[in-house]
Amino acid sequence: MPVTDIPARTAQRLRSSVRDLMRPGVITIVDSAPLTQAKRAMVRHDVHAVLVVATDTGRPLGWVTDRGLLRWLEHDMDHIAARHAITEPPHYIDADATAREALEALAEPAVTHLLVGDAGLPPQGVVAPLDLVELVTRP
């Protein structure tokens, strides 16, 4: 089947709002936290990334991902600040955007997570590729 032939059910689901598919809240750590805290948060919350925020302002700085942790495995992660392991800047999407818009944003190189909301405000939630896969493939 050509890629342009999108089943009607998929097309309909991709018109859903980001608000309806996002994961509410965001797992965060402060930029000065040891990298071991990032690892623990990912394992504890069963997520592939945590958002690093500035200690003084709470402003999102970027993501530490499970893949990004690989380069630090041979180091003492208790003595490396999370800010040094950021592999992706924060990317935002409006809560009223469509799932299709989220799909297009996540298809960009090096974009693995979308913060839901405006850059100047605390994020309402997060959208990751698996959230879109779940939306489109659920029975």
N, C-alpha and C. Protein backbone atom coordinates (compact mmCIF):
# COMPACT_ATOMS: atom_id res chain seq x y z
N MET A 1 0.85 -1.16 0.00
CA MET A 1 0.00 0.00 0.00
C MET A 1 0.91 1.23 0.00
N PRO A 2 0.70 2.20 -0.89
CA PRO A 2 1.50 3.42 -0.90
C PRO A 2 1.31 4.21 0.39
N VAL A 3 2.33 4.95 0.77
CA VAL A 3 2.30 5.73 2.00
C VAL A 3 1.16 6.74 1.99
N THR A 4 0.77 7.20 0.82
CA THR A 4 -0.29 8.22 0.74
C THR A 4 -1.68 7.65 1.03
N ASP A 5 -1.83 6.34 1.01
CA ASP A 5 -3.12 5.72 1.30
C ASP A 5 -3.26 5.53 2.81
N ILE A 6 -3.83 6.52 3.47
CA ILE A 6 -3.99 6.48 4.92
C ILE A 6 -5.38 5.97 5.24
N PRO A 7 -5.47 4.91 6.05
CA PRO A 7 -6.80 4.42 6.43
C PRO A 7 -7.61 5.53 7.09
N ALA A 8 -8.91 5.50 6.88
CA ALA A 8 -9.80 6.55 7.41
C ALA A 8 -9.69 6.65 8.92
N ARG A 9 -9.59 5.52 9.60
CA ARG A 9 -9.49 5.53 11.07
C ARG A 9 -8.21 6.26 11.52
N THR A 10 -7.10 6.01 10.81
CA THR A 10 -5.84 6.68 11.14
C THR A 10 -5.95 8.18 10.90
N ALA A 11 -6.50 8.55 9.76
CA ALA A 11 -6.66 9.98 9.44
C ALA A 11 -7.51 10.67 10.49
N GLN A 12 -8.58 10.01 10.93
CA GLN A 12 -9.45 10.58 11.95
C GLN A 12 -8.70 10.74 13.27
N ARG A 13 -7.94 9.74 13.66
CA ARG A 13 -7.21 9.81 14.93
C ARG A 13 -6.13 10.89 14.88
N LEU A 14 -5.54 11.11 13.73
CA LEU A 14 -4.51 12.13 13.60
C LEU A 14 -5.09 13.55 13.67
N ARG A 15 -6.41 13.65 13.61
CA ARG A 15 -7.06 14.95 13.81
C ARG A 15 -7.32 15.23 15.29
N SER A 16 -7.05 14.26 16.15
CA SER A 16 -7.21 14.45 17.60
C SER A 16 -6.30 15.58 18.06
N SER A 17 -6.67 16.20 19.16
CA SER A 17 -5.82 17.28 19.69
C SER A 17 -4.70 16.67 20.53
N VAL A 18 -3.60 17.39 20.58
CA VAL A 18 -2.46 16.98 21.39
C VAL A 18 -2.89 16.85 22.84
N ARG A 19 -3.78 17.70 23.29
CA ARG A 19 -4.29 17.65 24.67
C ARG A 19 -4.84 16.26 25.00
N ASP A 20 -5.45 15.61 24.01
CA ASP A 20 -6.08 14.31 24.24
C ASP A 20 -5.09 13.14 24.24
N LEU A 21 -3.89 13.34 23.71
CA LEU A 21 -2.95 12.22 23.66
C LEU A 21 -1.70 12.42 24.50
N MET A 22 -1.49 13.64 25.00
CA MET A 22 -0.28 13.91 25.78
C MET A 22 -0.30 13.16 27.10
N ARG A 23 0.89 12.97 27.63
CA ARG A 23 1.02 12.46 28.99
C ARG A 23 1.04 13.70 29.90
N PRO A 24 0.11 13.80 30.83
CA PRO A 24 0.09 14.98 31.69
C PRO A 24 1.34 15.03 32.58
N GLY A 25 1.82 16.23 32.82
CA GLY A 25 3.01 16.40 33.65
C GLY A 25 4.27 16.00 32.90
N VAL A 26 5.41 16.33 33.49
CA VAL A 26 6.71 16.02 32.89
C VAL A 26 7.65 15.63 34.02
N ILE A 27 8.40 14.56 33.83
CA ILE A 27 9.40 14.15 34.81
C ILE A 27 10.61 15.07 34.63
N THR A 28 10.97 15.80 35.70
CA THR A 28 12.07 16.77 35.61
C THR A 28 13.11 16.52 36.69
N ILE A 29 14.31 17.01 36.40
CA ILE A 29 15.38 17.08 37.40
C ILE A 29 16.06 18.43 37.21
N VAL A 30 16.68 18.94 38.26
CA VAL A 30 17.39 20.21 38.14
C VAL A 30 18.75 19.98 37.49
N ASP A 31 19.25 21.02 36.85
CA ASP A 31 20.48 20.91 36.06
C ASP A 31 21.70 20.51 36.88
N SER A 32 21.71 20.81 38.17
CA SER A 32 22.85 20.47 39.02
C SER A 32 22.76 19.06 39.62
N ALA A 33 21.65 18.38 39.41
CA ALA A 33 21.47 17.03 39.97
C ALA A 33 22.47 16.07 39.34
N PRO A 34 22.94 15.10 40.11
CA PRO A 34 23.85 14.11 39.53
C PRO A 34 23.12 13.28 38.47
N LEU A 35 23.85 12.87 37.50
CA LEU A 35 23.30 12.09 36.38
C LEU A 35 22.64 10.80 36.86
N THR A 36 23.09 10.27 37.98
CA THR A 36 22.44 9.07 38.51
C THR A 36 20.97 9.34 38.83
N GLN A 37 20.63 10.57 39.20
CA GLN A 37 19.22 10.89 39.47
C GLN A 37 18.40 10.82 38.18
N ALA A 38 18.98 11.24 37.07
CA ALA A 38 18.28 11.13 35.78
C ALA A 38 18.01 9.67 35.46
N LYS A 39 19.01 8.83 35.65
CA LYS A 39 18.85 7.40 35.40
C LYS A 39 17.78 6.81 36.29
N ARG A 40 17.81 7.14 37.57
CA ARG A 40 16.82 6.61 38.51
C ARG A 40 15.40 7.06 38.14
N ALA A 41 15.26 8.32 37.74
CA ALA A 41 13.94 8.84 37.37
C ALA A 41 13.40 8.11 36.15
N MET A 42 14.26 7.86 35.16
CA MET A 42 13.81 7.13 33.97
C MET A 42 13.34 5.73 34.32
N VAL A 43 14.10 5.03 35.14
CA VAL A 43 13.75 3.67 35.53
C VAL A 43 12.47 3.68 36.37
N ARG A 44 12.42 4.54 37.36
CA ARG A 44 11.28 4.59 38.29
C ARG A 44 9.97 4.92 37.57
N HIS A 45 10.03 5.84 36.60
CA HIS A 45 8.82 6.29 35.92
C HIS A 45 8.61 5.61 34.56
N ASP A 46 9.51 4.69 34.21
CA ASP A 46 9.41 3.95 32.95
C ASP A 46 9.28 4.90 31.76
N VAL A 47 10.21 5.86 31.67
CA VAL A 47 10.26 6.81 30.56
C VAL A 47 11.65 6.74 29.93
N HIS A 48 11.76 7.28 28.72
CA HIS A 48 13.02 7.23 27.99
C HIS A 48 13.81 8.53 28.09
N ALA A 49 13.26 9.52 28.78
CA ALA A 49 13.95 10.81 28.91
C ALA A 49 13.39 11.56 30.11
N VAL A 50 14.22 12.44 30.65
CA VAL A 50 13.78 13.37 31.69
C VAL A 50 14.16 14.77 31.25
N LEU A 51 13.36 15.72 31.64
CA LEU A 51 13.60 17.11 31.30
C LEU A 51 14.48 17.75 32.36
N VAL A 52 15.55 18.37 31.92
CA VAL A 52 16.44 19.09 32.83
C VAL A 52 15.99 20.55 32.87
N VAL A 53 15.81 21.06 34.08
CA VAL A 53 15.37 22.44 34.26
C VAL A 53 16.42 23.22 35.04
N ALA A 54 16.47 24.52 34.81
CA ALA A 54 17.41 25.38 35.53
C ALA A 54 17.06 25.41 37.01
N THR A 55 18.07 25.26 37.84
CA THR A 55 17.87 25.22 39.28
C THR A 55 17.21 26.49 39.79
N ASP A 56 17.63 27.62 39.28
CA ASP A 56 17.16 28.90 39.82
C ASP A 56 15.82 29.36 39.25
N THR A 57 15.52 29.02 38.01
CA THR A 57 14.29 29.53 37.37
C THR A 57 13.26 28.46 37.04
N GLY A 58 13.68 27.20 36.98
CA GLY A 58 12.77 26.13 36.56
C GLY A 58 12.56 26.09 35.05
N ARG A 59 13.30 26.93 34.31
CA ARG A 59 13.17 26.97 32.85
C ARG A 59 13.71 25.68 32.24
N PRO A 60 12.96 25.06 31.33
CA PRO A 60 13.45 23.85 30.67
C PRO A 60 14.71 24.13 29.86
N LEU A 61 15.73 23.30 30.08
CA LEU A 61 17.00 23.43 29.36
C LEU A 61 17.14 22.39 28.25
N GLY A 62 16.57 21.22 28.47
CA GLY A 62 16.66 20.16 27.47
C GLY A 62 16.46 18.79 28.09
N TRP A 63 16.60 17.79 27.25
CA TRP A 63 16.32 16.41 27.64
C TRP A 63 17.60 15.60 27.84
N VAL A 64 17.61 14.80 28.88
CA VAL A 64 18.59 13.73 29.03
C VAL A 64 17.83 12.46 28.64
N THR A 65 18.33 11.76 27.64
CA THR A 65 17.64 10.56 27.15
C THR A 65 18.40 9.30 27.57
N ASP A 66 17.70 8.19 27.52
CA ASP A 66 18.35 6.92 27.84
C ASP A 66 19.52 6.67 26.88
N ARG A 67 19.31 6.99 25.63
CA ARG A 67 20.38 6.83 24.64
C ARG A 67 21.56 7.76 24.96
N GLY A 68 21.25 8.97 25.40
CA GLY A 68 22.29 9.92 25.75
C GLY A 68 23.11 9.49 26.95
N LEU A 69 22.53 8.67 27.82
CA LEU A 69 23.26 8.18 28.99
C LEU A 69 24.36 7.20 28.60
N LEU A 70 24.24 6.59 27.44
CA LEU A 70 25.23 5.59 27.03
C LEU A 70 26.65 6.12 27.05
N ARG A 71 26.85 7.36 26.63
CA ARG A 71 28.21 7.90 26.58
C ARG A 71 28.81 8.14 27.96
N TRP A 72 27.98 8.10 29.00
CA TRP A 72 28.44 8.38 30.35
C TRP A 72 28.61 7.12 31.20
N LEU A 73 28.35 5.95 30.64
CA LEU A 73 28.36 4.72 31.43
C LEU A 73 29.72 4.39 32.04
N GLU A 74 30.77 4.82 31.40
CA GLU A 74 32.11 4.52 31.92
C GLU A 74 32.66 5.64 32.81
N HIS A 75 31.79 6.53 33.23
CA HIS A 75 32.15 7.62 34.12
C HIS A 75 31.39 7.47 35.43
N ASP A 76 31.83 8.17 36.44
CA ASP A 76 31.13 8.17 37.72
C ASP A 76 29.97 9.16 37.62
N MET A 77 28.80 8.66 37.32
CA MET A 77 27.63 9.51 37.10
C MET A 77 27.17 10.23 38.36
N ASP A 78 27.67 9.83 39.52
CA ASP A 78 27.35 10.55 40.76
C ASP A 78 28.02 11.92 40.78
N HIS A 79 29.03 12.12 39.95
CA HIS A 79 29.80 13.37 39.96
C HIS A 79 29.68 14.15 38.66
N ILE A 80 28.67 13.84 37.87
CA ILE A 80 28.43 14.56 36.61
C ILE A 80 27.06 15.21 36.73
N ALA A 81 27.01 16.52 36.53
CA ALA A 81 25.73 17.24 36.61
C ALA A 81 24.88 16.91 35.38
N ALA A 82 23.60 16.80 35.60
CA ALA A 82 22.66 16.44 34.52
C ALA A 82 22.78 17.38 33.32
N ARG A 83 23.09 18.66 33.55
CA ARG A 83 23.18 19.62 32.45
C ARG A 83 24.22 19.21 31.41
N HIS A 84 25.23 18.43 31.81
CA HIS A 84 26.28 18.01 30.88
C HIS A 84 25.81 16.88 29.96
N ALA A 85 24.71 16.27 30.28
CA ALA A 85 24.23 15.13 29.49
C ALA A 85 23.01 15.47 28.64
N ILE A 86 22.66 16.74 28.56
CA ILE A 86 21.52 17.15 27.71
C ILE A 86 21.88 16.86 26.26
N THR A 87 20.99 16.14 25.58
CA THR A 87 21.24 15.78 24.18
C THR A 87 20.25 16.42 23.22
N GLU A 88 19.22 17.06 23.78
CA GLU A 88 18.18 17.64 22.92
C GLU A 88 17.57 18.85 23.59
N PRO A 89 17.45 19.96 22.87
CA PRO A 89 16.80 21.13 23.46
C PRO A 89 15.30 20.88 23.59
N PRO A 90 14.62 21.69 24.39
CA PRO A 90 13.16 21.52 24.48
C PRO A 90 12.48 22.00 23.19
N HIS A 91 11.52 21.23 22.74
CA HIS A 91 10.69 21.58 21.59
C HIS A 91 9.25 21.63 22.11
N TYR A 92 8.49 22.59 21.62
CA TYR A 92 7.13 22.81 22.13
C TYR A 92 6.08 22.60 21.05
N ILE A 93 4.87 22.25 21.52
CA ILE A 93 3.70 22.17 20.65
C ILE A 93 2.50 22.65 21.47
N ASP A 94 1.59 23.32 20.82
CA ASP A 94 0.40 23.83 21.48
C ASP A 94 -0.55 22.68 21.80
N ALA A 95 -1.24 22.77 22.92
CA ALA A 95 -2.19 21.74 23.33
C ALA A 95 -3.33 21.58 22.33
N ASP A 96 -3.65 22.64 21.60
CA ASP A 96 -4.72 22.58 20.62
C ASP A 96 -4.25 22.10 19.24
N ALA A 97 -2.95 21.86 19.08
CA ALA A 97 -2.44 21.34 17.81
C ALA A 97 -3.00 19.93 17.60
N THR A 98 -2.93 19.46 16.37
CA THR A 98 -3.42 18.12 16.07
C THR A 98 -2.32 17.08 16.25
N ALA A 99 -2.74 15.84 16.39
CA ALA A 99 -1.79 14.74 16.46
C ALA A 99 -0.94 14.69 15.20
N ARG A 100 -1.51 15.05 14.05
CA ARG A 100 -0.73 15.09 12.81
C ARG A 100 0.40 16.10 12.92
N GLU A 101 0.14 17.27 13.52
CA GLU A 101 1.19 18.27 13.71
C GLU A 101 2.27 17.73 14.65
N ALA A 102 1.87 17.00 15.66
CA ALA A 102 2.85 16.38 16.56
C ALA A 102 3.67 15.34 15.81
N LEU A 103 3.02 14.56 14.96
CA LEU A 103 3.71 13.57 14.14
C LEU A 103 4.77 14.23 13.26
N GLU A 104 4.40 15.32 12.62
CA GLU A 104 5.33 16.04 11.75
C GLU A 104 6.50 16.60 12.55
N ALA A 105 6.24 17.12 13.73
CA ALA A 105 7.32 17.67 14.56
C ALA A 105 8.26 16.57 15.04
N LEU A 106 7.69 15.44 15.45
CA LEU A 106 8.50 14.33 15.95
C LEU A 106 9.26 13.61 14.83
N ALA A 107 8.83 13.82 13.60
CA ALA A 107 9.54 13.22 12.46
C ALA A 107 10.81 13.98 12.11
N GLU A 108 10.97 15.17 12.68
CA GLU A 108 12.18 15.96 12.43
C GLU A 108 13.38 15.29 13.10
N PRO A 109 14.55 15.41 12.48
CA PRO A 109 15.74 14.81 13.09
C PRO A 109 16.00 15.40 14.48
N ALA A 110 16.38 14.54 15.39
CA ALA A 110 16.77 14.93 16.75
C ALA A 110 15.63 15.51 17.59
N VAL A 111 14.39 15.25 17.23
CA VAL A 111 13.26 15.65 18.07
C VAL A 111 12.61 14.36 18.58
N THR A 112 12.75 14.11 19.87
CA THR A 112 12.20 12.87 20.43
C THR A 112 11.05 13.10 21.40
N HIS A 113 10.88 14.34 21.84
CA HIS A 113 9.81 14.67 22.79
C HIS A 113 9.33 16.08 22.52
N LEU A 114 8.05 16.31 22.75
CA LEU A 114 7.46 17.63 22.60
C LEU A 114 6.83 18.04 23.92
N LEU A 115 7.23 19.20 24.42
CA LEU A 115 6.57 19.76 25.59
C LEU A 115 5.28 20.42 25.13
N VAL A 116 4.21 20.18 25.84
CA VAL A 116 2.92 20.74 25.47
C VAL A 116 2.71 22.04 26.21
N GLY A 117 2.53 23.12 25.45
CA GLY A 117 2.31 24.43 26.03
C GLY A 117 3.20 25.47 25.38
N ASP A 118 3.30 26.61 26.05
CA ASP A 118 4.10 27.73 25.56
C ASP A 118 5.46 27.75 26.24
N ALA A 119 6.47 28.20 25.51
CA ALA A 119 7.85 28.20 26.00
C ALA A 119 8.01 28.98 27.31
N GLY A 120 7.23 30.01 27.54
CA GLY A 120 7.39 30.82 28.75
C GLY A 120 6.65 30.31 29.97
N LEU A 121 5.86 29.26 29.81
CA LEU A 121 5.03 28.75 30.91
C LEU A 121 5.41 27.31 31.25
N PRO A 122 5.08 26.85 32.46
CA PRO A 122 5.34 25.44 32.77
C PRO A 122 4.59 24.53 31.79
N PRO A 123 5.23 23.46 31.31
CA PRO A 123 4.57 22.57 30.36
C PRO A 123 3.39 21.85 31.00
N GLN A 124 2.35 21.63 30.18
CA GLN A 124 1.16 20.90 30.62
C GLN A 124 1.37 19.39 30.57
N GLY A 125 2.28 18.97 29.69
CA GLY A 125 2.53 17.55 29.50
C GLY A 125 3.59 17.35 28.44
N VAL A 126 3.68 16.13 27.97
CA VAL A 126 4.69 15.77 26.98
C VAL A 126 4.10 14.77 25.99
N VAL A 127 4.58 14.83 24.76
CA VAL A 127 4.20 13.86 23.73
C VAL A 127 5.49 13.23 23.19
N ALA A 128 5.52 11.92 23.15
CA ALA A 128 6.64 11.16 22.61
C ALA A 128 6.13 10.30 21.45
N PRO A 129 7.02 9.79 20.63
CA PRO A 129 6.58 8.97 19.49
C PRO A 129 5.65 7.82 19.88
N LEU A 130 5.94 7.16 20.99
CA LEU A 130 5.10 6.03 21.40
C LEU A 130 3.66 6.44 21.67
N ASP A 131 3.45 7.69 22.10
CA ASP A 131 2.09 8.18 22.32
C ASP A 131 1.31 8.21 21.01
N LEU A 132 1.97 8.60 19.93
CA LEU A 132 1.31 8.61 18.61
C LEU A 132 1.08 7.21 18.09
N VAL A 133 2.05 6.33 18.30
CA VAL A 133 1.88 4.93 17.89
C VAL A 133 0.66 4.35 18.60
N GLU A 134 0.56 4.59 19.91
CA GLU A 134 -0.59 4.11 20.68
C GLU A 134 -1.90 4.68 20.16
N LEU A 135 -1.92 5.97 19.89
CA LEU A 135 -3.13 6.62 19.38
C LEU A 135 -3.62 5.97 18.09
N VAL A 136 -2.71 5.75 17.18
CA VAL A 136 -3.10 5.26 15.85
C VAL A 136 -3.39 3.76 15.84
N THR A 137 -2.73 2.99 16.69
CA THR A 137 -2.86 1.52 16.60
C THR A 137 -3.80 0.89 17.62
N ARG A 138 -4.31 1.68 18.56
CA ARG A 138 -5.20 1.05 19.55
C ARG A 138 -6.49 0.58 18.87
N PRO A 139 -7.04 -0.50 19.40
CA PRO A 139 -8.26 -1.05 18.77
C PRO A 139 -9.44 -0.12 18.86
